[in-house]
Amino acid sequence: MRFRPISWERLAGELAERVLSRPGTGWVRIAVDGALDTATLADAMVDPLRVNGRRPLRVSTKDFLRPASLRFERGRRDPDVRYRDWLDEGALRREVLEPLAPGGSGEVLPALWDAERDRATRLDRVALPPGAVLIADGELLLGRGLPFDLTVHLAISPAALRRRLPEDQHWALPAFERYEHEVRPGEIADLLVRADDPRHPAVAAVPGGRFAGRAADPVTG
C-alpha cells in the first residue's frame, strides 16, 4: 500500500470529487472514523460539496451516545464499555442511516442526545433531497455493519495516540488498541489516512476497498 502526503483540504476536495462522480442521484453516506481529527476532515468536505450543488449534512456520532446511566453503569473509565456500548448504534442506524438507504424517507435526525447535559436534543428532522451527502464522523465506527457507502479511517499509531490524546483520556487507550486488533479498521475502510502528525496526513486506498483498483485516480496515490 502506497501513501502520499496530502492536506486535509485537498483530501476533502478529492473525496468530494469521488462523491460527485458516483452514478445516480441517490443519497451518499460517508463515515470518517478515528480516535482524533475526524471532525477536521468531515468539516472540510462540506464546502466542496455545497458549491457543487450537493447538499451536505454533518452528523457527529458524539450526538448519538447512550445516556450517562448506561455509559457509566460500570464507572466513568471502563474502556470495554466505551468500546462496545457508548454508541447508540441502533439509534444511529434508525434515525440517520436507514432513512438514506434506497427507498428511504430522506428524513434524518441530525442529533439525538446531548451527552454533556445528558438529555435529548429535541431537534427536528431534516428532509434531505436526493443526492444529498451525509458526512458522519466519530470513533470506533467500523466493523459494526453500519450501512455507509464510503468509509475513511484515520490511523494513528499507539505511540502517537498516547502522545496526542489528553492525559485524562488515557484510560480509553485499551479501547482503541482492542479496536485495532479485533476490527482492523485500516484493512476494511475504503480509504486509509495516516494521521500521526495532524499537520502532515498521508493517504492511500485500501486494497479491495471502493477506492482501490484506480491507479490513475489522485486519491489512490
Protein backbone atom coordinates (compact mmCIF):
# COMPACT_ATOMS: atom_id res chain seq x y z
CA MET A 1 0.00 0.00 0.00
CA ARG A 2 1.49 3.32 -1.09
CA PHE A 3 0.82 6.52 0.83
CA ARG A 4 1.21 10.05 -0.42
CA PRO A 5 1.31 13.30 1.55
CA ILE A 6 -1.79 15.44 1.35
CA SER A 7 -3.50 18.30 3.18
CA TRP A 8 -6.87 17.91 4.87
CA GLU A 9 -8.35 20.46 2.46
CA ARG A 10 -7.11 18.66 -0.63
CA LEU A 11 -8.20 15.30 0.68
CA ALA A 12 -11.66 16.71 1.39
CA GLY A 13 -11.81 18.07 -2.14
CA GLU A 14 -10.82 14.74 -3.64
CA LEU A 15 -13.39 12.91 -1.57
CA ALA A 16 -16.00 15.38 -2.76
CA GLU A 17 -14.93 14.70 -6.35
CA ARG A 18 -15.39 11.00 -5.73
CA VAL A 19 -18.93 11.63 -4.49
CA LEU A 20 -19.71 13.86 -7.46
CA SER A 21 -18.52 11.19 -9.88
CA ARG A 22 -20.79 8.47 -8.47
CA PRO A 23 -23.55 7.43 -10.87
CA GLY A 24 -27.16 8.02 -9.94
CA THR A 25 -28.81 10.62 -7.74
CA GLY A 26 -29.26 8.71 -4.51
CA TRP A 27 -28.07 9.79 -1.09
CA VAL A 28 -24.45 9.08 -0.13
CA ARG A 29 -23.47 8.13 3.43
CA ILE A 30 -19.85 8.73 4.40
CA ALA A 31 -18.12 7.70 7.63
CA VAL A 32 -14.93 9.37 8.85
CA ASP A 33 -13.64 7.06 11.58
CA GLY A 34 -10.79 7.56 14.02
CA ALA A 35 -9.71 8.45 17.52
CA LEU A 36 -8.76 12.03 16.58
CA ASP A 37 -9.08 14.55 13.73
CA THR A 38 -12.28 13.11 12.28
CA ALA A 39 -14.20 16.38 12.55
CA THR A 40 -11.36 18.22 10.78
CA LEU A 41 -11.74 16.13 7.65
CA ALA A 42 -15.52 15.82 7.83
CA ASP A 43 -15.99 19.58 8.22
CA ALA A 44 -13.62 20.26 5.32
CA MET A 45 -15.85 18.26 2.98
CA VAL A 46 -18.87 20.49 3.49
CA ASP A 47 -17.97 23.43 1.24
CA PRO A 48 -16.64 21.43 -1.76
CA LEU A 49 -19.91 19.51 -1.84
CA ARG A 50 -22.12 22.54 -1.35
CA VAL A 51 -20.52 24.64 -4.10
CA ASN A 52 -21.01 21.73 -6.49
CA GLY A 53 -24.71 21.52 -5.80
CA ARG A 54 -24.76 18.57 -3.38
CA ARG A 55 -26.34 19.32 -0.05
CA PRO A 56 -24.14 18.11 2.83
CA LEU A 57 -25.34 17.17 6.30
CA ARG A 58 -22.79 16.87 9.09
CA VAL A 59 -23.50 14.45 11.88
CA SER A 60 -21.26 13.64 14.85
CA THR A 61 -21.71 10.26 16.48
CA LYS A 62 -20.98 12.04 19.77
CA ASP A 63 -24.59 13.15 19.46
CA PHE A 64 -25.73 9.52 19.37
CA LEU A 65 -24.20 8.28 22.61
CA ARG A 66 -26.25 6.40 25.16
CA PRO A 67 -27.43 8.21 28.32
CA ALA A 68 -24.91 8.52 31.16
CA SER A 69 -26.80 5.99 33.25
CA LEU A 70 -25.90 3.35 30.65
CA ARG A 71 -22.45 4.59 29.62
CA PHE A 72 -21.21 4.89 33.19
CA GLU A 73 -23.02 1.94 34.75
CA ARG A 74 -19.62 0.30 35.40
CA GLY A 75 -17.83 3.56 36.14
CA ARG A 76 -16.75 6.50 34.05
CA ARG A 77 -13.47 4.97 32.88
CA ASP A 78 -14.25 1.50 31.62
CA PRO A 79 -12.54 1.01 28.23
CA ASP A 80 -14.55 -2.11 27.41
CA VAL A 81 -17.84 -0.26 27.81
CA ARG A 82 -16.56 2.59 25.67
CA TYR A 83 -15.58 0.09 23.00
CA ARG A 84 -18.87 -1.82 22.98
CA ASP A 85 -21.64 0.28 24.44
CA TRP A 86 -21.10 4.04 24.36
CA LEU A 87 -22.52 4.46 20.86
CA ASP A 88 -26.27 4.02 20.46
CA GLU A 89 -25.77 2.04 17.30
CA GLY A 90 -29.45 1.25 16.88
CA ALA A 91 -30.44 4.91 17.03
CA LEU A 92 -27.74 5.94 14.56
CA ARG A 93 -28.92 3.27 12.16
CA ARG A 94 -32.63 4.02 12.64
CA GLU A 95 -32.54 7.83 12.72
CA VAL A 96 -29.72 8.61 10.28
CA LEU A 97 -28.54 5.79 8.04
CA GLU A 98 -31.66 3.82 7.15
CA PRO A 99 -33.68 6.90 6.07
CA LEU A 100 -30.93 7.50 3.47
CA ALA A 101 -30.94 3.95 2.12
CA PRO A 102 -32.52 3.31 -1.29
CA GLY A 103 -36.25 3.72 -0.84
CA GLY A 104 -35.80 5.59 2.44
CA SER A 105 -37.72 8.66 3.53
CA GLY A 106 -34.74 11.05 3.41
CA GLU A 107 -35.77 12.47 6.79
CA VAL A 108 -32.84 12.42 9.19
CA LEU A 109 -32.49 13.31 12.86
CA PRO A 110 -29.14 15.17 12.98
CA ALA A 111 -28.61 14.69 16.72
CA LEU A 112 -30.36 12.61 19.36
CA TRP A 113 -28.62 13.01 22.71
CA ASP A 114 -26.70 15.88 24.32
CA ALA A 115 -24.06 13.91 26.22
CA GLU A 116 -22.80 16.92 28.19
CA ARG A 117 -26.25 17.83 29.52
CA ASP A 118 -27.36 14.18 29.44
CA ARG A 119 -30.69 14.89 27.85
CA ALA A 120 -32.42 14.59 24.49
CA THR A 121 -31.59 17.29 21.95
CA ARG A 122 -35.22 17.51 20.79
CA LEU A 123 -34.16 18.61 17.31
CA ASP A 124 -36.49 18.42 14.34
CA ARG A 125 -35.84 16.02 11.50
CA VAL A 126 -34.14 17.32 8.37
CA ALA A 127 -35.54 16.38 4.97
CA LEU A 128 -32.65 15.73 2.57
CA PRO A 129 -33.24 15.87 -1.18
CA PRO A 130 -31.95 13.09 -3.45
CA GLY A 131 -28.23 13.50 -4.00
CA ALA A 132 -27.58 14.90 -0.54
CA VAL A 133 -24.48 13.65 1.29
CA LEU A 134 -24.31 12.57 4.91
CA ILE A 135 -20.88 13.05 6.49
CA ALA A 136 -20.70 11.30 9.84
CA ASP A 137 -17.61 11.34 12.00
CA GLY A 138 -16.67 9.56 15.19
CA GLU A 139 -14.69 6.81 16.86
CA LEU A 140 -14.96 3.01 16.71
CA LEU A 141 -17.47 3.08 13.84
CA LEU A 142 -16.29 0.28 11.58
CA GLY A 143 -16.91 -3.42 11.98
CA ARG A 144 -20.48 -2.85 13.20
CA GLY A 145 -22.21 -3.47 9.89
CA LEU A 146 -23.43 0.13 9.71
CA PRO A 147 -24.61 0.88 6.16
CA PHE A 148 -22.15 3.52 4.98
CA ASP A 149 -21.43 3.94 1.27
CA LEU A 150 -17.87 5.20 1.72
CA THR A 151 -15.61 4.83 4.76
CA VAL A 152 -12.41 6.65 5.71
CA HIS A 153 -10.24 5.58 8.64
CA LEU A 154 -7.73 7.94 10.24
CA ALA A 155 -4.96 5.71 11.57
CA ILE A 156 -2.81 6.87 14.49
CA SER A 157 -0.03 4.69 15.88
CA PRO A 158 -0.28 3.69 19.56
CA ALA A 159 2.69 5.90 20.46
CA ALA A 160 1.30 8.92 18.61
CA LEU A 161 -2.17 8.39 20.09
CA ARG A 162 -0.74 8.27 23.60
CA ARG A 163 1.17 11.45 22.88
CA ARG A 164 -1.73 13.32 21.32
CA LEU A 165 -4.64 12.16 23.46
CA PRO A 166 -5.24 14.33 26.55
CA GLU A 167 -3.89 12.62 29.65
CA ASP A 168 -7.31 12.44 31.26
CA GLN A 169 -8.40 10.30 28.29
CA HIS A 170 -5.57 7.77 28.51
CA TRP A 171 -7.90 5.35 30.26
CA ALA A 172 -9.55 4.86 26.83
CA LEU A 173 -6.35 3.70 25.11
CA PRO A 174 -7.17 -0.02 25.63
CA ALA A 175 -10.44 0.53 23.75
CA PHE A 176 -8.60 1.83 20.70
CA GLU A 177 -5.99 -0.92 20.96
CA ARG A 178 -8.74 -3.54 21.06
CA TYR A 179 -10.43 -1.91 18.05
CA GLU A 180 -7.23 -2.10 16.03
CA HIS A 181 -6.68 -5.73 17.00
CA GLU A 182 -10.23 -7.06 16.60
CA VAL A 183 -11.69 -4.92 13.81
CA ARG A 184 -8.55 -3.94 11.85
CA PRO A 185 -10.20 -0.76 10.55
CA GLY A 186 -7.25 0.07 8.32
CA GLU A 187 -7.98 -3.07 6.31
CA ILE A 188 -11.74 -2.68 5.92
CA ALA A 189 -12.10 1.06 5.31
CA ASP A 190 -12.23 2.27 1.72
CA LEU A 191 -9.59 4.92 2.33
CA LEU A 192 -6.81 4.95 4.90
CA VAL A 193 -5.22 8.14 6.20
CA ARG A 194 -2.10 8.20 8.34
CA ALA A 195 -2.61 10.93 10.91
CA ASP A 196 0.20 10.54 13.45
CA ASP A 197 1.05 14.17 12.79
CA PRO A 198 -2.13 16.13 12.03
CA ARG A 199 -0.05 18.70 10.14
CA HIS A 200 1.14 16.09 7.65
CA PRO A 201 -1.51 13.46 6.83
CA ALA A 202 -0.91 10.87 4.14
CA VAL A 203 -3.47 8.86 2.20
CA ALA A 204 -3.81 5.51 0.43
CA ALA A 205 -6.64 3.41 -0.96
CA VAL A 206 -7.22 0.13 0.86
CA PRO A 207 -6.79 -2.94 -1.41
CA GLY A 208 -10.23 -4.34 -2.15
CA GLY A 209 -11.97 -1.17 -0.96
CA ARG A 210 -14.22 1.04 -3.05
CA PHE A 211 -11.30 3.35 -3.88
CA ALA A 212 -8.97 0.53 -4.95
CA GLY A 213 -8.10 -0.53 -8.48
CA ARG A 214 -7.98 3.02 -9.84
CA ALA A 215 -4.28 3.77 -10.14
CA ALA A 216 -4.88 6.87 -12.23
CA ASP A 217 -7.08 8.42 -9.57
CA PRO A 218 -5.19 11.03 -7.48
CA VAL A 219 -6.88 9.74 -4.33
CA THR A 220 -5.24 6.35 -4.60
CA GLY A 221 -1.69 7.62 -4.96
